[in-house]
């Protein structure tokens, strides 16, 4: 389980993404220096040109699968990784680029590129877990750096990661926030969104945008019902909010498609 220095080997990989989750790891600064004393950061192109061959004890993967080359490369990464953890909305749910899953990707490329015939891309943007086995998924756009350090520590010490499964609403309560939904009638995805951001948006009197994806067992149907009945939200508002950074996360995707179908029936 180690290299010649006796340290576990860590690799960090990028697929289709903005690099924000890798930057969260770099943002650890002092903690990252301490981490480097315990592990060999063998492959992390965002931070260093150093490339040590695998196998790797732990691979962190940012980004979604959007091309045939991505599909081949993620299988190669899985083959040389003893444990594989996906980090961020792109890797765990397809990311904002998964909006293509609800439309015609050929139409998109024709509008954006002067020569779309040169573009080789898949019709969908999908999570890493749709292609290879994943040992843990850490949600967020970007991920919480403290949660990321906890996950790395947990895998290196062979224990389950301690990442709270509760919703953003709990974080609001812990911060003493007044509920923006109840107090101001502001649509908020907090009741169905995984904690991790520290309730940033509600702390500034804005509704949660669902950056951290669905919490465990989210009742998205109930949330949409109350947005509609209590806040007067229309279908477009419901669909636009569900189709954000985690548009292809199954609970959000199912409900947005249900709302779209309902819109067509009315």
Protein backbone atom coordinates (compact mmCIF):
# COMPACT_ATOMS: atom_id res chain seq x y z
CA UNK A 1 0.00 0.00 0.00
CA UNK A 2 2.93 2.40 -0.26
CA UNK A 3 5.70 3.76 -2.42
CA UNK A 4 9.42 3.62 -1.81
CA UNK A 5 9.16 6.30 0.90
CA UNK A 6 6.58 4.24 2.75
CA UNK A 7 3.78 6.74 2.12
CA UNK A 8 0.37 6.04 0.55
CA UNK A 9 0.10 7.44 -2.97
CA UNK A 10 -2.56 10.05 -3.81
CA UNK A 11 -3.62 10.99 -7.34
CA UNK A 12 -5.98 13.79 -8.38
CA UNK A 13 -7.63 13.60 -11.80
CA UNK A 14 -9.57 16.09 -13.91
CA UNK A 15 -12.36 15.40 -16.38
CA UNK A 16 -15.00 17.88 -17.69
CA UNK A 17 -15.10 20.57 -15.01
CA UNK A 18 -14.04 24.08 -14.01
CA UNK A 19 -11.21 22.91 -11.67
CA UNK A 20 -13.00 24.47 -8.66
CA UNK A 21 -12.89 21.31 -6.56
CA UNK A 22 -9.16 20.85 -7.17
CA UNK A 23 -8.72 24.47 -6.13
CA UNK A 24 -10.58 23.64 -2.91
CA UNK A 25 -7.85 21.12 -2.16
CA UNK A 26 -5.14 23.67 -2.94
CA UNK A 27 -7.00 26.16 -0.75
CA UNK A 28 -6.30 23.92 2.23
CA UNK A 29 -2.82 25.54 2.31
CA UNK A 30 -1.36 24.71 5.76
CA UNK A 31 -3.46 21.54 6.02
CA UNK A 32 -2.23 20.44 2.60
CA UNK A 33 1.39 20.86 3.73
CA UNK A 34 0.66 18.67 6.76
CA UNK A 35 -1.07 16.18 4.49
CA UNK A 36 2.02 16.03 2.30
CA UNK A 37 3.98 14.77 5.32
CA UNK A 38 1.70 11.72 5.50
CA UNK A 39 1.09 10.91 1.85
CA UNK A 40 2.90 11.04 -1.47
CA UNK A 41 0.99 13.38 -3.80
CA UNK A 42 1.98 11.30 -6.80
CA UNK A 43 -0.19 12.87 -9.49
CA UNK A 44 -1.88 16.28 -9.24
CA UNK A 45 -1.39 18.31 -12.43
CA UNK A 46 -3.21 21.34 -11.01
CA UNK A 47 -0.47 21.65 -8.41
CA UNK A 48 2.67 20.10 -9.90
CA UNK A 49 4.12 18.68 -13.12
CA UNK A 50 5.41 15.68 -11.12
CA UNK A 51 3.91 12.42 -12.35
CA UNK A 52 4.52 9.18 -10.48
CA UNK A 53 3.13 6.02 -12.05
CA UNK A 54 0.43 4.02 -10.28
CA UNK A 55 -1.04 2.07 -8.77
CA UNK A 56 -2.43 4.68 -6.39
CA UNK A 57 -3.85 4.10 -2.93
CA UNK A 58 -6.42 6.87 -3.36
CA UNK A 59 -7.61 8.72 -6.44
CA UNK A 60 -9.72 11.87 -6.25
CA UNK A 61 -11.66 12.52 -9.44
CA UNK A 62 -13.14 15.86 -10.44
CA UNK A 63 -15.35 16.32 -13.51
CA UNK A 64 -17.98 14.49 -15.53
CA UNK A 65 -17.78 12.13 -18.49
CA UNK A 66 -18.59 14.01 -21.71
CA UNK A 67 -16.48 12.35 -24.42
CA UNK A 68 -15.58 8.85 -25.57
CA UNK A 69 -11.99 9.57 -24.53
CA UNK A 70 -13.25 10.38 -21.02
CA UNK A 71 -14.94 6.98 -20.90
CA UNK A 72 -11.70 5.21 -21.77
CA UNK A 73 -9.60 7.31 -19.42
CA UNK A 74 -11.82 6.87 -16.34
CA UNK A 75 -11.64 3.09 -16.74
CA UNK A 76 -7.84 3.35 -16.80
CA UNK A 77 -7.91 5.52 -13.66
CA UNK A 78 -10.17 3.00 -11.90
CA UNK A 79 -7.88 0.11 -12.83
CA UNK A 80 -4.87 1.75 -11.16
CA UNK A 81 -6.69 3.04 -8.04
CA UNK A 82 -7.24 1.00 -4.90
CA UNK A 83 -9.89 3.52 -3.80
CA UNK A 84 -11.63 6.10 -5.97
CA UNK A 85 -13.51 9.11 -4.57
CA UNK A 86 -15.44 11.51 -6.78
CA UNK A 87 -15.43 15.16 -5.71
CA UNK A 88 -17.90 17.86 -6.71
CA UNK A 89 -21.17 18.21 -8.61
CA UNK A 90 -19.60 17.40 -11.99
CA UNK A 91 -18.14 14.08 -10.84
CA UNK A 92 -21.12 13.07 -8.68
CA UNK A 93 -24.01 14.34 -10.83
CA UNK A 94 -22.77 15.43 -14.26
CA UNK A 95 -22.46 19.12 -13.32
CA UNK A 96 -23.96 22.16 -15.00
CA UNK A 97 -22.92 20.64 -18.33
CA UNK A 98 -25.55 17.94 -17.77
CA UNK A 99 -28.12 20.47 -19.00
CA UNK A 100 -27.30 18.91 -22.38
CA UNK A 101 -29.08 15.77 -21.12
CA UNK A 102 -32.40 17.59 -21.44
CA UNK A 103 -31.79 18.98 -24.95
CA UNK A 104 -30.26 18.27 -28.34
CA UNK A 105 -26.47 18.44 -28.02
CA UNK A 106 -26.06 18.68 -31.80
CA UNK A 107 -28.20 21.82 -31.79
CA UNK A 108 -26.03 23.25 -29.01
CA UNK A 109 -22.77 22.62 -30.85
CA UNK A 110 -24.20 24.05 -34.08
CA UNK A 111 -25.03 27.30 -32.29
CA UNK A 112 -21.74 27.61 -30.38
CA UNK A 113 -19.10 26.39 -32.84
CA UNK A 114 -18.35 27.62 -36.36
CA UNK A 115 -17.40 24.07 -37.38
CA UNK A 116 -19.38 21.67 -35.16
CA UNK A 117 -18.22 18.74 -37.31
CA UNK A 118 -14.88 18.99 -35.50
CA UNK A 119 -16.47 18.51 -32.08
CA UNK A 120 -16.39 14.97 -30.68
CA UNK A 121 -18.71 14.76 -27.69
CA UNK A 122 -21.27 12.50 -26.09
CA UNK A 123 -24.96 13.39 -26.06
CA UNK A 124 -24.91 13.38 -22.26
CA UNK A 125 -22.76 14.49 -19.35
CA UNK A 126 -22.75 11.81 -16.67
CA UNK A 127 -21.37 11.13 -13.21
CA UNK A 128 -18.25 9.00 -12.78
CA UNK A 129 -20.32 6.35 -10.99
CA UNK A 130 -22.27 5.75 -14.22
CA UNK A 131 -19.08 4.28 -15.72
CA UNK A 132 -16.95 2.73 -12.97
CA UNK A 133 -17.35 1.65 -9.33
CA UNK A 134 -16.89 4.56 -6.91
CA UNK A 135 -15.96 4.16 -3.24
CA UNK A 136 -17.35 7.49 -2.03
CA UNK A 137 -19.03 10.56 -3.51
CA UNK A 138 -18.36 14.00 -2.01
CA UNK A 139 -20.93 16.50 -3.22
CA UNK A 140 -20.58 20.26 -3.63
CA UNK A 141 -19.96 22.98 -6.17
CA UNK A 142 -17.22 23.35 -5.15
CA UNK A 143 -16.62 20.81 -2.39
CA UNK A 144 -16.13 21.89 1.20
CA UNK A 145 -12.38 21.71 1.86
CA UNK A 146 -12.86 20.48 5.42
CA UNK A 147 -15.10 17.67 4.21
CA UNK A 148 -12.50 16.87 1.54
CA UNK A 149 -9.72 16.60 4.13
CA UNK A 150 -11.97 14.38 6.25
CA UNK A 151 -12.58 12.05 3.31
CA UNK A 152 -8.86 11.81 2.51
CA UNK A 153 -8.02 11.14 6.16
CA UNK A 154 -10.77 8.52 6.43
CA UNK A 155 -9.58 6.54 3.42
CA UNK A 156 -5.95 6.70 4.47
CA UNK A 157 -6.89 5.38 7.93
CA UNK A 158 -9.36 2.82 6.55
CA UNK A 159 -12.46 4.18 8.28
CA UNK A 160 -15.81 5.51 6.99
CA UNK A 161 -15.83 9.26 6.18
CA UNK A 162 -17.80 11.34 8.66
CA UNK A 163 -19.74 13.66 6.33
CA UNK A 164 -23.12 14.83 7.74
CA UNK A 165 -26.08 13.65 5.62
CA UNK A 166 -28.51 16.34 6.78
CA UNK A 167 -29.94 19.28 4.84
CA UNK A 168 -28.95 22.95 4.54
CA UNK A 169 -31.89 23.73 6.84
CA UNK A 170 -29.93 22.24 9.73
CA UNK A 171 -27.00 24.51 8.91
CA UNK A 172 -29.37 27.50 8.95
CA UNK A 173 -30.57 26.50 12.41
CA UNK A 174 -26.99 26.10 13.64
CA UNK A 175 -26.17 29.61 12.38
CA UNK A 176 -29.32 31.09 13.90
CA UNK A 177 -30.67 32.17 10.50
CA UNK A 178 -34.27 33.22 10.07
CA UNK A 179 -35.88 30.98 7.43
CA UNK A 180 -36.04 32.96 4.19
CA UNK A 181 -38.96 30.84 3.01
CA UNK A 182 -41.08 31.40 6.11
CA UNK A 183 -40.08 35.01 6.79
CA UNK A 184 -39.85 36.38 3.25
CA UNK A 185 -41.57 33.89 0.95
CA UNK A 186 -38.29 33.24 -0.86
CA UNK A 187 -38.08 29.95 -2.80
CA UNK A 188 -35.31 27.87 -1.26
CA UNK A 189 -33.91 24.41 -2.06
CA UNK A 190 -32.47 24.10 1.46
CA UNK A 191 -34.94 21.42 2.65
CA UNK A 192 -33.78 18.98 -0.06
CA UNK A 193 -30.11 19.99 -0.40
CA UNK A 194 -27.13 18.30 1.24
CA UNK A 195 -25.30 20.31 3.89
CA UNK A 196 -21.73 21.48 3.42
CA UNK A 197 -21.79 25.11 2.33
CA UNK A 198 -22.59 26.51 5.77
CA UNK A 199 -25.88 27.92 4.48
CA UNK A 200 -24.12 30.75 2.67
CA UNK A 201 -27.01 31.94 0.53
CA UNK A 202 -29.75 31.91 3.21
CA UNK A 203 -27.33 33.78 5.49
CA UNK A 204 -27.57 36.65 2.98
CA UNK A 205 -31.36 36.39 2.62
CA UNK A 206 -31.22 34.41 -0.61
CA UNK A 207 -32.73 31.01 -1.26
CA UNK A 208 -30.48 27.95 -1.49
CA UNK A 209 -29.51 27.08 -5.09
CA UNK A 210 -28.81 23.41 -4.37
CA UNK A 211 -25.05 23.57 -4.97
CA UNK A 212 -24.40 20.52 -2.78
CA UNK A 213 -26.94 18.31 -4.51
CA UNK A 214 -29.74 16.26 -2.96
CA UNK A 215 -29.57 15.21 0.66
CA UNK A 216 -30.51 11.70 1.71
CA UNK A 217 -34.11 10.86 0.77
CA UNK A 218 -35.12 14.37 -0.39
CA UNK A 219 -38.85 14.97 -0.78
CA UNK A 220 -38.63 17.03 -3.94
CA UNK A 221 -42.28 16.43 -4.83
CA UNK A 222 -43.43 17.99 -1.57
CA UNK A 223 -41.05 20.93 -1.98
CA UNK A 224 -42.39 21.65 -5.48
CA UNK A 225 -45.96 21.36 -4.23
CA UNK A 226 -45.38 23.99 -1.55
CA UNK A 227 -43.42 26.25 -3.87
CA UNK A 228 -46.41 26.15 -6.19
CA UNK A 229 -49.22 26.39 -3.63
CA UNK A 230 -47.64 28.64 -1.02
CA UNK A 231 -45.19 30.77 -3.01
CA UNK A 232 -47.00 30.86 -6.33
CA UNK A 233 -44.03 29.48 -8.29
CA UNK A 234 -44.71 28.45 -11.87
CA UNK A 235 -43.33 25.40 -13.69
CA UNK A 236 -40.48 27.36 -15.26
CA UNK A 237 -39.23 28.45 -11.83
CA UNK A 238 -39.44 24.92 -10.46
CA UNK A 239 -37.62 23.38 -13.40
CA UNK A 240 -34.92 26.07 -13.57
CA UNK A 241 -34.10 25.63 -9.88
CA UNK A 242 -33.94 21.84 -10.08
CA UNK A 243 -31.80 22.01 -13.22
CA UNK A 244 -28.83 23.82 -11.87
CA UNK A 245 -25.41 22.57 -10.74
CA UNK A 246 -26.84 19.12 -9.97
CA UNK A 247 -29.39 18.87 -12.78
CA UNK A 248 -28.70 15.18 -13.43
CA UNK A 249 -28.67 14.08 -9.78
CA UNK A 250 -31.45 11.43 -9.88
CA UNK A 251 -33.84 13.02 -7.33
CA UNK A 252 -33.57 16.44 -9.01
CA UNK A 253 -33.74 15.04 -12.54
CA UNK A 254 -36.80 12.88 -11.84
CA UNK A 255 -38.71 15.77 -10.31
CA UNK A 256 -37.75 18.28 -13.01
CA UNK A 257 -38.91 15.84 -15.70
CA UNK A 258 -42.15 15.27 -13.78
CA UNK A 259 -42.71 19.02 -13.58
CA UNK A 260 -41.95 19.34 -17.31
CA UNK A 261 -44.45 16.63 -18.12
CA UNK A 262 -47.04 18.28 -15.91
CA UNK A 263 -46.39 21.57 -17.71
CA UNK A 264 -47.17 19.87 -21.00
CA UNK A 265 -50.45 18.48 -19.67
CA UNK A 266 -51.78 21.83 -18.43
